[in-house]
Amino acid sequence: LVCPLSKKPLRYEASTHELINEELGIAYPIIDGIPNMIP
């Protein structure tokens, strides 16, 4: 998985169940184990 906007790797944050793009400062939610990668 990569960020759909920057194409950079993402970091998983277990406490918030999100995929984080540090460079852009955005977090993608994970719902029922499925990342929602819609910007």
Full PDB file with SEQRES, HELIX, SHEET, SSBOND, CRYST1, ORIGX, SCALE, CONECT and MASTER records, all heavy atoms in Angstrom:
SEQRES   1 A   39  LEU VAL CYS PRO LEU SER LYS LYS PRO LEU ARG TYR GLU          
SEQRES   2 A   39  ALA SER THR HIS GLU LEU ILE ASN GLU GLU LEU GLY ILE          
SEQRES   3 A   39  ALA TYR PRO ILE ILE ASP GLY ILE PRO ASN MET ILE PRO          
SHEET    1 AA1 4 ARG A  11  GLU A  13  0                                        
SHEET    2 AA1 4 GLU A  18  ASN A  21 -1                                        
SHEET    3 AA1 4 ILE A  26  ILE A  31 -1                                        
SHEET    4 AA1 4 ILE A  34  PRO A  35 -1                                        
CRYST1    1.000    1.000    1.000  90.00  90.00  90.00 P 1           1          
ORIGX1      1.000000  0.000000  0.000000        0.00000                         
ORIGX2      0.000000  1.000000  0.000000        0.00000                         
ORIGX3      0.000000  0.000000  1.000000        0.00000                         
SCALE1      1.000000  0.000000  0.000000        0.00000                         
SCALE2      0.000000  1.000000  0.000000        0.00000                         
SCALE3      0.000000  0.000000  1.000000        0.00000                         
ATOM      1  N   LEU A   1       0.821  -1.207   0.000  1.00  0.00           N  
ATOM      2  CA  LEU A   1       0.000   0.000   0.000  1.00  0.00           C  
ATOM      3  C   LEU A   1       0.857   1.259   0.000  1.00  0.00           C  
ATOM      4  O   LEU A   1       1.852   1.338   0.717  1.00  0.00           O  
ATOM      5  CB  LEU A   1      -0.916   0.017   1.228  1.00  0.00           C  
ATOM      6  CG  LEU A   1      -1.988  -1.059   1.284  1.00  0.00           C  
ATOM      7  CD1 LEU A   1      -2.724  -0.993   2.604  1.00  0.00           C  
ATOM      8  CD2 LEU A   1      -2.953  -0.911   0.130  1.00  0.00           C  
ATOM      9  N   VAL A   2       0.444   2.232  -0.786  1.00  0.00           N  
ATOM     10  CA  VAL A   2       1.069   3.553  -0.787  1.00  0.00           C  
ATOM     11  C   VAL A   2      -0.035   4.597  -0.782  1.00  0.00           C  
ATOM     12  O   VAL A   2      -1.184   4.305  -1.116  1.00  0.00           O  
ATOM     13  CB  VAL A   2       1.995   3.772  -2.012  1.00  0.00           C  
ATOM     14  CG1 VAL A   2       3.182   2.822  -1.982  1.00  0.00           C  
ATOM     15  CG2 VAL A   2       1.232   3.647  -3.309  1.00  0.00           C  
ATOM     16  N   CYS A   3       0.322   5.801  -0.404  1.00  0.00           N  
ATOM     17  CA  CYS A   3      -0.644   6.892  -0.421  1.00  0.00           C  
ATOM     18  C   CYS A   3      -1.076   7.150  -1.860  1.00  0.00           C  
ATOM     19  O   CYS A   3      -0.229   7.288  -2.749  1.00  0.00           O  
ATOM     20  CB  CYS A   3      -0.009   8.139   0.185  1.00  0.00           C  
ATOM     21  SG  CYS A   3      -1.080   9.589   0.113  1.00  0.00           S  
ATOM     22  N   PRO A   4      -2.367   7.235  -2.124  1.00  0.00           N  
ATOM     23  CA  PRO A   4      -2.817   7.482  -3.495  1.00  0.00           C  
ATOM     24  C   PRO A   4      -2.469   8.884  -4.004  1.00  0.00           C  
ATOM     25  O   PRO A   4      -2.433   9.098  -5.212  1.00  0.00           O  
ATOM     26  CB  PRO A   4      -4.331   7.291  -3.426  1.00  0.00           C  
ATOM     27  CG  PRO A   4      -4.687   7.420  -1.996  1.00  0.00           C  
ATOM     28  CD  PRO A   4      -3.484   7.038  -1.205  1.00  0.00           C  
ATOM     29  N   LEU A   5      -2.178   9.806  -3.097  1.00  0.00           N  
ATOM     30  CA  LEU A   5      -1.843  11.166  -3.518  1.00  0.00           C  
ATOM     31  C   LEU A   5      -0.348  11.345  -3.791  1.00  0.00           C  
ATOM     32  O   LEU A   5       0.047  11.876  -4.818  1.00  0.00           O  
ATOM     33  CB  LEU A   5      -2.302  12.168  -2.462  1.00  0.00           C  
ATOM     34  CG  LEU A   5      -3.807  12.206  -2.206  1.00  0.00           C  
ATOM     35  CD1 LEU A   5      -4.125  13.124  -1.037  1.00  0.00           C  
ATOM     36  CD2 LEU A   5      -4.540  12.649  -3.455  1.00  0.00           C  
ATOM     37  N   SER A   6       0.488  10.889  -2.850  1.00  0.00           N  
ATOM     38  CA  SER A   6       1.929  11.122  -2.987  1.00  0.00           C  
ATOM     39  C   SER A   6       2.702   9.898  -3.462  1.00  0.00           C  
ATOM     40  O   SER A   6       3.881  10.012  -3.789  1.00  0.00           O  
ATOM     41  CB  SER A   6       2.511  11.565  -1.642  1.00  0.00           C  
ATOM     42  OG  SER A   6       2.471  10.486  -0.710  1.00  0.00           O  
ATOM     43  N   LYS A   7       2.067   8.741  -3.466  1.00  0.00           N  
ATOM     44  CA  LYS A   7       2.704   7.466  -3.830  1.00  0.00           C  
ATOM     45  C   LYS A   7       3.838   7.100  -2.880  1.00  0.00           C  
ATOM     46  O   LYS A   7       4.730   6.341  -3.213  1.00  0.00           O  
ATOM     47  CB  LYS A   7       3.231   7.487  -5.278  1.00  0.00           C  
ATOM     48  CG  LYS A   7       2.235   7.938  -6.318  1.00  0.00           C  
ATOM     49  CD  LYS A   7       1.007   7.070  -6.356  1.00  0.00           C  
ATOM     50  CE  LYS A   7       0.112   7.452  -7.505  1.00  0.00           C  
ATOM     51  NZ  LYS A   7      -1.168   7.960  -7.121  1.00  0.00           N  
ATOM     52  N   LYS A   8       3.802   7.616  -1.661  1.00  0.00           N  
ATOM     53  CA  LYS A   8       4.807   7.336  -0.626  1.00  0.00           C  
ATOM     54  C   LYS A   8       4.287   6.241   0.304  1.00  0.00           C  
ATOM     55  O   LYS A   8       3.085   6.057   0.450  1.00  0.00           O  
ATOM     56  CB  LYS A   8       5.108   8.598   0.203  1.00  0.00           C  
ATOM     57  CG  LYS A   8       5.611   9.766  -0.608  1.00  0.00           C  
ATOM     58  CD  LYS A   8       7.043   9.553  -0.991  1.00  0.00           C  
ATOM     59  CE  LYS A   8       7.499  10.781  -1.766  1.00  0.00           C  
ATOM     60  NZ  LYS A   8       8.851  10.733  -2.157  1.00  0.00           N  
ATOM     61  N   PRO A   9       5.198   5.527   0.987  1.00  0.00           N  
ATOM     62  CA  PRO A   9       4.763   4.495   1.936  1.00  0.00           C  
ATOM     63  C   PRO A   9       3.966   5.090   3.088  1.00  0.00           C  
ATOM     64  O   PRO A   9       4.089   6.266   3.419  1.00  0.00           O  
ATOM     65  CB  PRO A   9       6.076   3.905   2.457  1.00  0.00           C  
ATOM     66  CG  PRO A   9       7.122   4.350   1.514  1.00  0.00           C  
ATOM     67  CD  PRO A   9       6.638   5.606   0.864  1.00  0.00           C  
ATOM     68  N   LEU A  10       3.156   4.238   3.701  1.00  0.00           N  
ATOM     69  CA  LEU A  10       2.310   4.650   4.811  1.00  0.00           C  
ATOM     70  C   LEU A  10       2.759   3.945   6.084  1.00  0.00           C  
ATOM     71  O   LEU A  10       3.378   2.889   6.038  1.00  0.00           O  
ATOM     72  CB  LEU A  10       0.849   4.296   4.518  1.00  0.00           C  
ATOM     73  CG  LEU A  10       0.247   4.981   3.294  1.00  0.00           C  
ATOM     74  CD1 LEU A  10      -1.038   4.304   2.892  1.00  0.00           C  
ATOM     75  CD2 LEU A  10       0.027   6.445   3.573  1.00  0.00           C  
ATOM     76  N   ARG A  11       2.415   4.530   7.224  1.00  0.00           N  
ATOM     77  CA  ARG A  11       2.725   3.954   8.531  1.00  0.00           C  
ATOM     78  C   ARG A  11       1.402   3.583   9.183  1.00  0.00           C  
ATOM     79  O   ARG A  11       0.448   4.355   9.175  1.00  0.00           O  
ATOM     80  CB  ARG A  11       3.479   4.989   9.381  1.00  0.00           C  
ATOM     81  CG  ARG A  11       3.748   4.523  10.812  1.00  0.00           C  
ATOM     82  CD  ARG A  11       4.511   5.586  11.600  1.00  0.00           C  
ATOM     83  NE  ARG A  11       3.825   6.858  11.706  1.00  0.00           N  
ATOM     84  CZ  ARG A  11       2.871   7.135  12.600  1.00  0.00           C  
ATOM     85  NH1 ARG A  11       2.471   6.225  13.448  1.00  0.00           N  
ATOM     86  NH2 ARG A  11       2.314   8.331  12.637  1.00  0.00           N  
ATOM     87  N   TYR A  12       1.365   2.388   9.803  1.00  0.00           N  
ATOM     88  CA  TYR A  12       0.153   1.934  10.484  1.00  0.00           C  
ATOM     89  C   TYR A  12       0.171   2.422  11.923  1.00  0.00           C  
ATOM     90  O   TYR A  12       1.130   2.203  12.653  1.00  0.00           O  
ATOM     91  CB  TYR A  12       0.066   0.409  10.444  1.00  0.00           C  
ATOM     92  CG  TYR A  12      -1.073  -0.162  11.249  1.00  0.00           C  
ATOM     93  CD1 TYR A  12      -2.381   0.233  11.021  1.00  0.00           C  
ATOM     94  CD2 TYR A  12      -0.846  -1.100  12.234  1.00  0.00           C  
ATOM     95  CE1 TYR A  12      -3.432  -0.294  11.749  1.00  0.00           C  
ATOM     96  CE2 TYR A  12      -1.886  -1.645  12.970  1.00  0.00           C  
ATOM     97  CZ  TYR A  12      -3.174  -1.233  12.727  1.00  0.00           C  
ATOM     98  OH  TYR A  12      -4.206  -1.754  13.455  1.00  0.00           O  
ATOM     99  N   GLU A  13      -0.885   3.097  12.337  1.00  0.00           N  
ATOM    100  CA  GLU A  13      -1.050   3.547  13.722  1.00  0.00           C  
ATOM    101  C   GLU A  13      -2.130   2.691  14.359  1.00  0.00           C  
ATOM    102  O   GLU A  13      -3.322   2.867  14.093  1.00  0.00           O  
ATOM    103  CB  GLU A  13      -1.430   5.026  13.753  1.00  0.00           C  
ATOM    104  CG  GLU A  13      -1.589   5.593  15.140  1.00  0.00           C  
ATOM    105  CD  GLU A  13      -0.311   5.483  15.962  1.00  0.00           C  
ATOM    106  OE1 GLU A  13       0.766   5.831  15.446  1.00  0.00           O  
ATOM    107  OE2 GLU A  13      -0.422   5.039  17.124  1.00  0.00           O  
ATOM    108  N   ALA A  14      -1.695   1.733  15.205  1.00  0.00           N  
ATOM    109  CA  ALA A  14      -2.634   0.770  15.789  1.00  0.00           C  
ATOM    110  C   ALA A  14      -3.610   1.423  16.764  1.00  0.00           C  
ATOM    111  O   ALA A  14      -4.755   0.997  16.870  1.00  0.00           O  
ATOM    112  CB  ALA A  14      -1.866  -0.344  16.489  1.00  0.00           C  
ATOM    113  N   SER A  15      -3.175   2.465  17.468  1.00  0.00           N  
ATOM    114  CA  SER A  15      -4.048   3.081  18.472  1.00  0.00           C  
ATOM    115  C   SER A  15      -5.269   3.770  17.851  1.00  0.00           C  
ATOM    116  O   SER A  15      -6.325   3.827  18.461  1.00  0.00           O  
ATOM    117  CB  SER A  15      -3.264   4.080  19.321  1.00  0.00           C  
ATOM    118  OG  SER A  15      -2.790   5.141  18.520  1.00  0.00           O  
ATOM    119  N   THR A  16      -5.126   4.288  16.642  1.00  0.00           N  
ATOM    120  CA  THR A  16      -6.246   4.963  15.982  1.00  0.00           C  
ATOM    121  C   THR A  16      -6.801   4.177  14.802  1.00  0.00           C  
ATOM    122  O   THR A  16      -7.766   4.610  14.178  1.00  0.00           O  
ATOM    123  CB  THR A  16      -5.812   6.358  15.477  1.00  0.00           C  
ATOM    124  OG1 THR A  16      -4.721   6.194  14.566  1.00  0.00           O  
ATOM    125  CG2 THR A  16      -5.423   7.261  16.626  1.00  0.00           C  
ATOM    126  N   HIS A  17      -6.195   3.039  14.471  1.00  0.00           N  
ATOM    127  CA  HIS A  17      -6.591   2.214  13.320  1.00  0.00           C  
ATOM    128  C   HIS A  17      -6.589   3.057  12.045  1.00  0.00           C  
ATOM    129  O   HIS A  17      -7.586   3.130  11.331  1.00  0.00           O  
ATOM    130  CB  HIS A  17      -7.952   1.553  13.530  1.00  0.00           C  
ATOM    131  CG  HIS A  17      -7.991   0.670  14.718  1.00  0.00           C  
ATOM    132  ND1 HIS A  17      -7.334  -0.532  14.790  1.00  0.00           N  
ATOM    133  CD2 HIS A  17      -8.592   0.819  15.917  1.00  0.00           C  
ATOM    134  CE1 HIS A  17      -7.534  -1.082  15.960  1.00  0.00           C  
ATOM    135  NE2 HIS A  17      -8.292  -0.284  16.672  1.00  0.00           N  
ATOM    136  N   GLU A  18      -5.445   3.683  11.777  1.00  0.00           N  
ATOM    137  CA  GLU A  18      -5.307   4.523  10.594  1.00  0.00           C  
ATOM    138  C   GLU A  18      -3.975   4.261   9.919  1.00  0.00           C  
ATOM    139  O   GLU A  18      -3.022   3.809  10.551  1.00  0.00           O  
ATOM    140  CB  GLU A  18      -5.376   6.005  10.978  1.00  0.00           C  
ATOM    141  CG  GLU A  18      -6.710   6.437  11.527  1.00  0.00           C  
ATOM    142  CD  GLU A  18      -6.703   7.876  11.997  1.00  0.00           C  
ATOM    143  OE1 GLU A  18      -5.705   8.317  12.603  1.00  0.00           O  
ATOM    144  OE2 GLU A  18      -7.716   8.563  11.766  1.00  0.00           O  
ATOM    145  N   LEU A  19      -3.929   4.565   8.624  1.00  0.00           N  
ATOM    146  CA  LEU A  19      -2.683   4.562   7.877  1.00  0.00           C  
ATOM    147  C   LEU A  19      -2.254   6.010   7.727  1.00  0.00           C  
ATOM    148  O   LEU A  19      -3.026   6.848   7.247  1.00  0.00           O  
ATOM    149  CB  LEU A  19      -2.864   3.900   6.508  1.00  0.00           C  
ATOM    150  CG  LEU A  19      -3.227   2.424   6.543  1.00  0.00           C  
ATOM    151  CD1 LEU A  19      -3.420   1.889   5.133  1.00  0.00           C  
ATOM    152  CD2 LEU A  19      -2.156   1.619   7.257  1.00  0.00           C  
ATOM    153  N   ILE A  20      -1.034   6.312   8.149  1.00  0.00           N  
ATOM    154  CA  ILE A  20      -0.564   7.689   8.239  1.00  0.00           C  
ATOM    155  C   ILE A  20       0.428   7.985   7.124  1.00  0.00           C  
ATOM    156  O   ILE A  20       1.363   7.216   6.890  1.00  0.00           O  
ATOM    157  CB  ILE A  20       0.128   7.938   9.600  1.00  0.00           C  
ATOM    158  CG1 ILE A  20      -0.750   7.475  10.767  1.00  0.00           C  
ATOM    159  CG2 ILE A  20       0.565   9.389   9.737  1.00  0.00           C  
ATOM    160  CD1 ILE A  20      -1.997   8.255  10.968  1.00  0.00           C  
ATOM    161  N   ASN A  21       0.239   9.127   6.476  1.00  0.00           N  
ATOM    162  CA  ASN A  21       1.230   9.682   5.560  1.00  0.00           C  
ATOM    163  C   ASN A  21       1.814  10.892   6.275  1.00  0.00           C  
ATOM    164  O   ASN A  21       1.184  11.953   6.355  1.00  0.00           O  
ATOM    165  CB  ASN A  21       0.577  10.092   4.238  1.00  0.00           C  
ATOM    166  CG  ASN A  21       1.569  10.684   3.262  1.00  0.00           C  
ATOM    167  OD1 ASN A  21       2.531  11.337   3.634  1.00  0.00           O  
ATOM    168  ND2 ASN A  21       1.314  10.462   1.990  1.00  0.00           N  
ATOM    169  N   GLU A  22       3.023  10.723   6.823  1.00  0.00           N  
ATOM    170  CA  GLU A  22       3.662  11.791   7.597  1.00  0.00           C  
ATOM    171  C   GLU A  22       3.973  13.001   6.731  1.00  0.00           C  
ATOM    172  O   GLU A  22       3.861  14.144   7.173  1.00  0.00           O  
ATOM    173  CB  GLU A  22       4.951  11.269   8.247  1.00  0.00           C  
ATOM    174  CG  GLU A  22       4.732  10.191   9.276  1.00  0.00           C  
ATOM    175  CD  GLU A  22       4.128  10.719  10.565  1.00  0.00           C  
ATOM    176  OE1 GLU A  22       4.087  11.937  10.794  1.00  0.00           O  
ATOM    177  OE2 GLU A  22       3.673   9.862  11.351  1.00  0.00           O  
ATOM    178  N   GLU A  23       4.383  12.760   5.492  1.00  0.00           N  
ATOM    179  CA  GLU A  23       4.781  13.847   4.596  1.00  0.00           C  
ATOM    180  C   GLU A  23       3.638  14.823   4.326  1.00  0.00           C  
ATOM    181  O   GLU A  23       3.811  16.036   4.396  1.00  0.00           O  
ATOM    182  CB  GLU A  23       5.298  13.258   3.278  1.00  0.00           C  
ATOM    183  CG  GLU A  23       5.809  14.281   2.306  1.00  0.00           C  
ATOM    184  CD  GLU A  23       6.317  13.618   1.038  1.00  0.00           C  
ATOM    185  OE1 GLU A  23       7.308  12.871   1.122  1.00  0.00           O  
ATOM    186  OE2 GLU A  23       5.701  13.851  -0.020  1.00  0.00           O  
ATOM    187  N   LEU A  24       2.459  14.290   4.031  1.00  0.00           N  
ATOM    188  CA  LEU A  24       1.300  15.141   3.742  1.00  0.00           C  
ATOM    189  C   LEU A  24       0.487  15.470   4.983  1.00  0.00           C  
ATOM    190  O   LEU A  24      -0.366  16.350   4.945  1.00  0.00           O  
ATOM    191  CB  LEU A  24       0.397  14.478   2.698  1.00  0.00           C  
ATOM    192  CG  LEU A  24       0.984  14.268   1.307  1.00  0.00           C  
ATOM    193  CD1 LEU A  24      -0.022  13.589   0.404  1.00  0.00           C  
ATOM    194  CD2 LEU A  24       1.442  15.590   0.710  1.00  0.00           C  
ATOM    195  N   GLY A  25       0.714  14.717   6.062  1.00  0.00           N  
ATOM    196  CA  GLY A  25      -0.031  14.963   7.288  1.00  0.00           C  
ATOM    197  C   GLY A  25      -1.477  14.522   7.215  1.00  0.00           C  
ATOM    198  O   GLY A  25      -2.368  15.207   7.696  1.00  0.00           O  
ATOM    199  N   ILE A  26      -1.703  13.365   6.606  1.00  0.00           N  
ATOM    200  CA  ILE A  26      -3.061  12.854   6.501  1.00  0.00           C  
ATOM    201  C   ILE A  26      -3.120  11.417   7.030  1.00  0.00           C  
ATOM    202  O   ILE A  26      -2.124  10.701   7.041  1.00  0.00           O  
ATOM    203  CB  ILE A  26      -3.617  12.912   5.055  1.00  0.00           C  
ATOM    204  CG1 ILE A  26      -2.702  12.168   4.084  1.00  0.00           C  
ATOM    205  CG2 ILE A  26      -3.831  14.331   4.614  1.00  0.00           C  
ATOM    206  CD1 ILE A  26      -3.223  12.145   2.665  1.00  0.00           C  
ATOM    207  N   ALA A  27      -4.312  11.029   7.485  1.00  0.00           N  
ATOM    208  CA  ALA A  27      -4.544   9.691   8.035  1.00  0.00           C  
ATOM    209  C   ALA A  27      -5.743   9.073   7.336  1.00  0.00           C  
ATOM    210  O   ALA A  27      -6.816   9.669   7.283  1.00  0.00           O  
ATOM    211  CB  ALA A  27      -4.782   9.771   9.529  1.00  0.00           C  
ATOM    212  N   TYR A  28      -5.536   7.870   6.790  1.00  0.00           N  
ATOM    213  CA  TYR A  28      -6.606   7.132   6.134  1.00  0.00           C  
ATOM    214  C   TYR A  28      -7.215   6.161   7.144  1.00  0.00           C  
ATOM    215  O   TYR A  28      -6.489   5.401   7.777  1.00  0.00           O  
ATOM    216  CB  TYR A  28      -6.072   6.346   4.932  1.00  0.00           C  
ATOM    217  CG  TYR A  28      -5.545   7.227   3.828  1.00  0.00           C  
ATOM    218  CD1 TYR A  28      -4.186   7.482   3.703  1.00  0.00           C  
ATOM    219  CD2 TYR A  28      -6.412   7.803   2.912  1.00  0.00           C  
ATOM    220  CE1 TYR A  28      -3.698   8.292   2.689  1.00  0.00           C  
ATOM    221  CE2 TYR A  28      -5.936   8.617   1.893  1.00  0.00           C  
ATOM    222  CZ  TYR A  28      -4.580   8.853   1.791  1.00  0.00           C  
ATOM    223  OH  TYR A  28      -4.108   9.662   0.795  1.00  0.00           O  
ATOM    224  N   PRO A  29      -8.540   6.133   7.303  1.00  0.00           N  
ATOM    225  CA  PRO A  29      -9.163   5.232   8.286  1.00  0.00           C  
ATOM    226  C   PRO A  29      -9.132   3.776   7.819  1.00  0.00           C  
ATOM    227  O   PRO A  29      -9.120   3.498   6.619  1.00  0.00           O  
ATOM    228  CB  PRO A  29     -10.601   5.742   8.366  1.00  0.00           C  
ATOM    229  CG  PRO A  29     -10.851   6.347   7.027  1.00  0.00           C  
ATOM    230  CD  PRO A  29      -9.538   6.943   6.593  1.00  0.00           C  
ATOM    231  N   ILE A  30      -9.101   2.877   8.789  1.00  0.00           N  
ATOM    232  CA  ILE A  30      -9.215   1.447   8.508  1.00  0.00           C  
ATOM    233  C   ILE A  30     -10.541   1.005   9.128  1.00  0.00           C  
ATOM    234  O   ILE A  30     -10.743   1.129  10.324  1.00  0.00           O  
ATOM    235  CB  ILE A  30      -8.047   0.660   9.109  1.00  0.00           C  
ATOM    236  CG1 ILE A  30      -6.745   1.129   8.468  1.00  0.00           C  
ATOM    237  CG2 ILE A  30      -8.249  -0.837   8.920  1.00  0.00           C  
ATOM    238  CD1 ILE A  30      -5.505   0.542   9.092  1.00  0.00           C  
ATOM    239  N   ILE A  31     -11.439   0.506   8.281  1.00  0.00           N  
ATOM    240  CA  ILE A  31     -12.771   0.116   8.721  1.00  0.00           C  
ATOM    241  C   ILE A  31     -12.933  -1.381   8.510  1.00  0.00           C  
ATOM    242  O   ILE A  31     -12.806  -1.867   7.384  1.00  0.00           O  
ATOM    243  CB  ILE A  31     -13.849   0.902   7.945  1.00  0.00           C  
ATOM    244  CG1 ILE A  31     -13.622   2.391   8.141  1.00  0.00           C  
ATOM    245  CG2 ILE A  31     -15.244   0.481   8.377  1.00  0.00           C  
ATOM    246  CD1 ILE A  31     -14.355   3.276   7.186  1.00  0.00           C  
ATOM    247  N   ASP A  32     -13.192  -2.107   9.587  1.00  0.00           N  
ATOM    248  CA  ASP A  32     -13.333  -3.563   9.539  1.00  0.00           C  
ATOM    249  C   ASP A  32     -12.131  -4.232   8.881  1.00  0.00           C  
ATOM    250  O   ASP A  32     -12.273  -5.172   8.102  1.00  0.00           O  
ATOM    251  CB  ASP A  32     -14.614  -3.974   8.815  1.00  0.00           C  
ATOM    252  CG  ASP A  32     -15.859  -3.639   9.596  1.00  0.00           C  
ATOM    253  OD1 ASP A  32     -15.771  -3.600  10.842  1.00  0.00           O  
ATOM    254  OD2 ASP A  32     -16.911  -3.418   8.980  1.00  0.00           O  
ATOM    255  N   GLY A  33     -10.941  -3.712   9.152  1.00  0.00           N  
ATOM    256  CA  GLY A  33      -9.719  -4.300   8.621  1.00  0.00           C  
ATOM    257  C   GLY A  33      -9.394  -3.897   7.202  1.00  0.00           C  
ATOM    258  O   GLY A  33      -8.395  -4.326   6.641  1.00  0.00           O  
ATOM    259  N   ILE A  34     -10.219  -3.040   6.601  1.00  0.00           N  
ATOM    260  CA  ILE A  34     -10.021  -2.627   5.210  1.00  0.00           C  
ATOM    261  C   ILE A  34      -9.653  -1.146   5.172  1.00  0.00           C  
ATOM    262  O   ILE A  34     -10.425  -0.303   5.626  1.00  0.00           O  
ATOM    263  CB  ILE A  34     -11.295  -2.856   4.376  1.00  0.00           C  
ATOM    264  CG1 ILE A  34     -11.681  -4.335   4.448  1.00  0.00           C  
ATOM    265  CG2 ILE A  34     -11.095  -2.402   2.943  1.00  0.00           C  
ATOM    266  CD1 ILE A  34     -13.042  -4.640   3.889  1.00  0.00           C  
ATOM    267  N   PRO A  35      -8.459  -0.817   4.645  1.00  0.00           N  
ATOM    268  CA  PRO A  35      -8.076   0.593   4.560  1.00  0.00           C  
ATOM    269  C   PRO A  35      -8.955   1.344   3.557  1.00  0.00           C  
ATOM    270  O   PRO A  35      -9.179   0.876   2.451  1.00  0.00           O  
ATOM    271  CB  PRO A  35      -6.629   0.564   4.063  1.00  0.00           C  
ATOM    272  CG  PRO A  35      -6.190  -0.847   4.168  1.00  0.00           C  
ATOM    273  CD  PRO A  35      -7.410  -1.709   4.195  1.00  0.00           C  
ATOM    274  N   ASN A  36      -9.464   2.493   3.968  1.00  0.00           N  
ATOM    275  CA  ASN A  36     -10.237   3.356   3.080  1.00  0.00           C  
ATOM    276  C   ASN A  36      -9.255   4.373   2.501  1.00  0.00           C  
ATOM    277  O   ASN A  36      -8.940   5.370   3.126  1.00  0.00           O  
ATOM    278  CB  ASN A  36     -11.356   4.054   3.850  1.00  0.00           C  
ATOM    279  CG  ASN A  36     -12.254   4.870   2.956  1.00  0.00           C  
ATOM    280  OD1 ASN A  36     -11.923   5.132   1.798  1.00  0.00           O  
ATOM    281  ND2 ASN A  36     -13.383   5.285   3.481  1.00  0.00           N  
ATOM    282  N   MET A  37      -8.782   4.106   1.302  1.00  0.00           N  
ATOM    283  CA  MET A  37      -7.736   4.910   0.686  1.00  0.00           C  
ATOM    284  C   MET A  37      -8.288   6.029  -0.198  1.00  0.00           C  
ATOM    285  O   MET A  37      -7.570   6.585  -1.017  1.00  0.00           O  
ATOM    286  CB  MET A  37      -6.808   4.000  -0.135  1.00  0.00           C  
ATOM    287  CG  MET A  37      -6.203   2.856   0.655  1.00  0.00           C  
ATOM    288  SD  MET A  37      -5.098   3.405   1.944  1.00  0.00           S  
ATOM    289  CE  MET A  37      -3.743   3.974   0.973  1.00  0.00           C  
ATOM    290  N   ILE A  38      -9.521   6.384  -0.026  1.00  0.00           N  
ATOM    291  CA  ILE A  38     -10.113   7.483  -0.782  1.00  0.00           C  
ATOM    292  C   ILE A  38      -9.644   8.790  -0.137  1.00  0.00           C  
ATOM    293  O   ILE A  38      -9.865   9.006   1.059  1.00  0.00           O  
ATOM    294  CB  ILE A  38     -11.651   7.389  -0.789  1.00  0.00           C  
ATOM    295  CG1 ILE A  38     -12.071   6.074  -1.434  1.00  0.00           C  
ATOM    296  CG2 ILE A  38     -12.274   8.588  -1.486  1.00  0.00           C  
ATOM    297  CD1 ILE A  38     -13.545   5.773  -1.308  1.00  0.00           C  
ATOM    298  N   PRO A  39      -8.986   9.667  -0.881  1.00  0.00           N  
ATOM    299  CA  PRO A  39      -8.454  10.902  -0.292  1.00  0.00           C  
ATOM    300  C   PRO A  39      -9.498  11.734   0.454  1.00  0.00           C  
ATOM    301  O   PRO A  39      -9.190  12.328   1.481  1.00  0.00           O  
ATOM    302  CB  PRO A  39      -7.888  11.660  -1.493  1.00  0.00           C  
ATOM    303  CG  PRO A  39      -7.518  10.576  -2.456  1.00  0.00           C  
ATOM    304  CD  PRO A  39      -8.577   9.515  -2.283  1.00  0.00           C  
TER     305      PRO A  39                                                      
MASTER        0    0    0    0    4    0    0    6  304    1    0    3          
END                                                                             
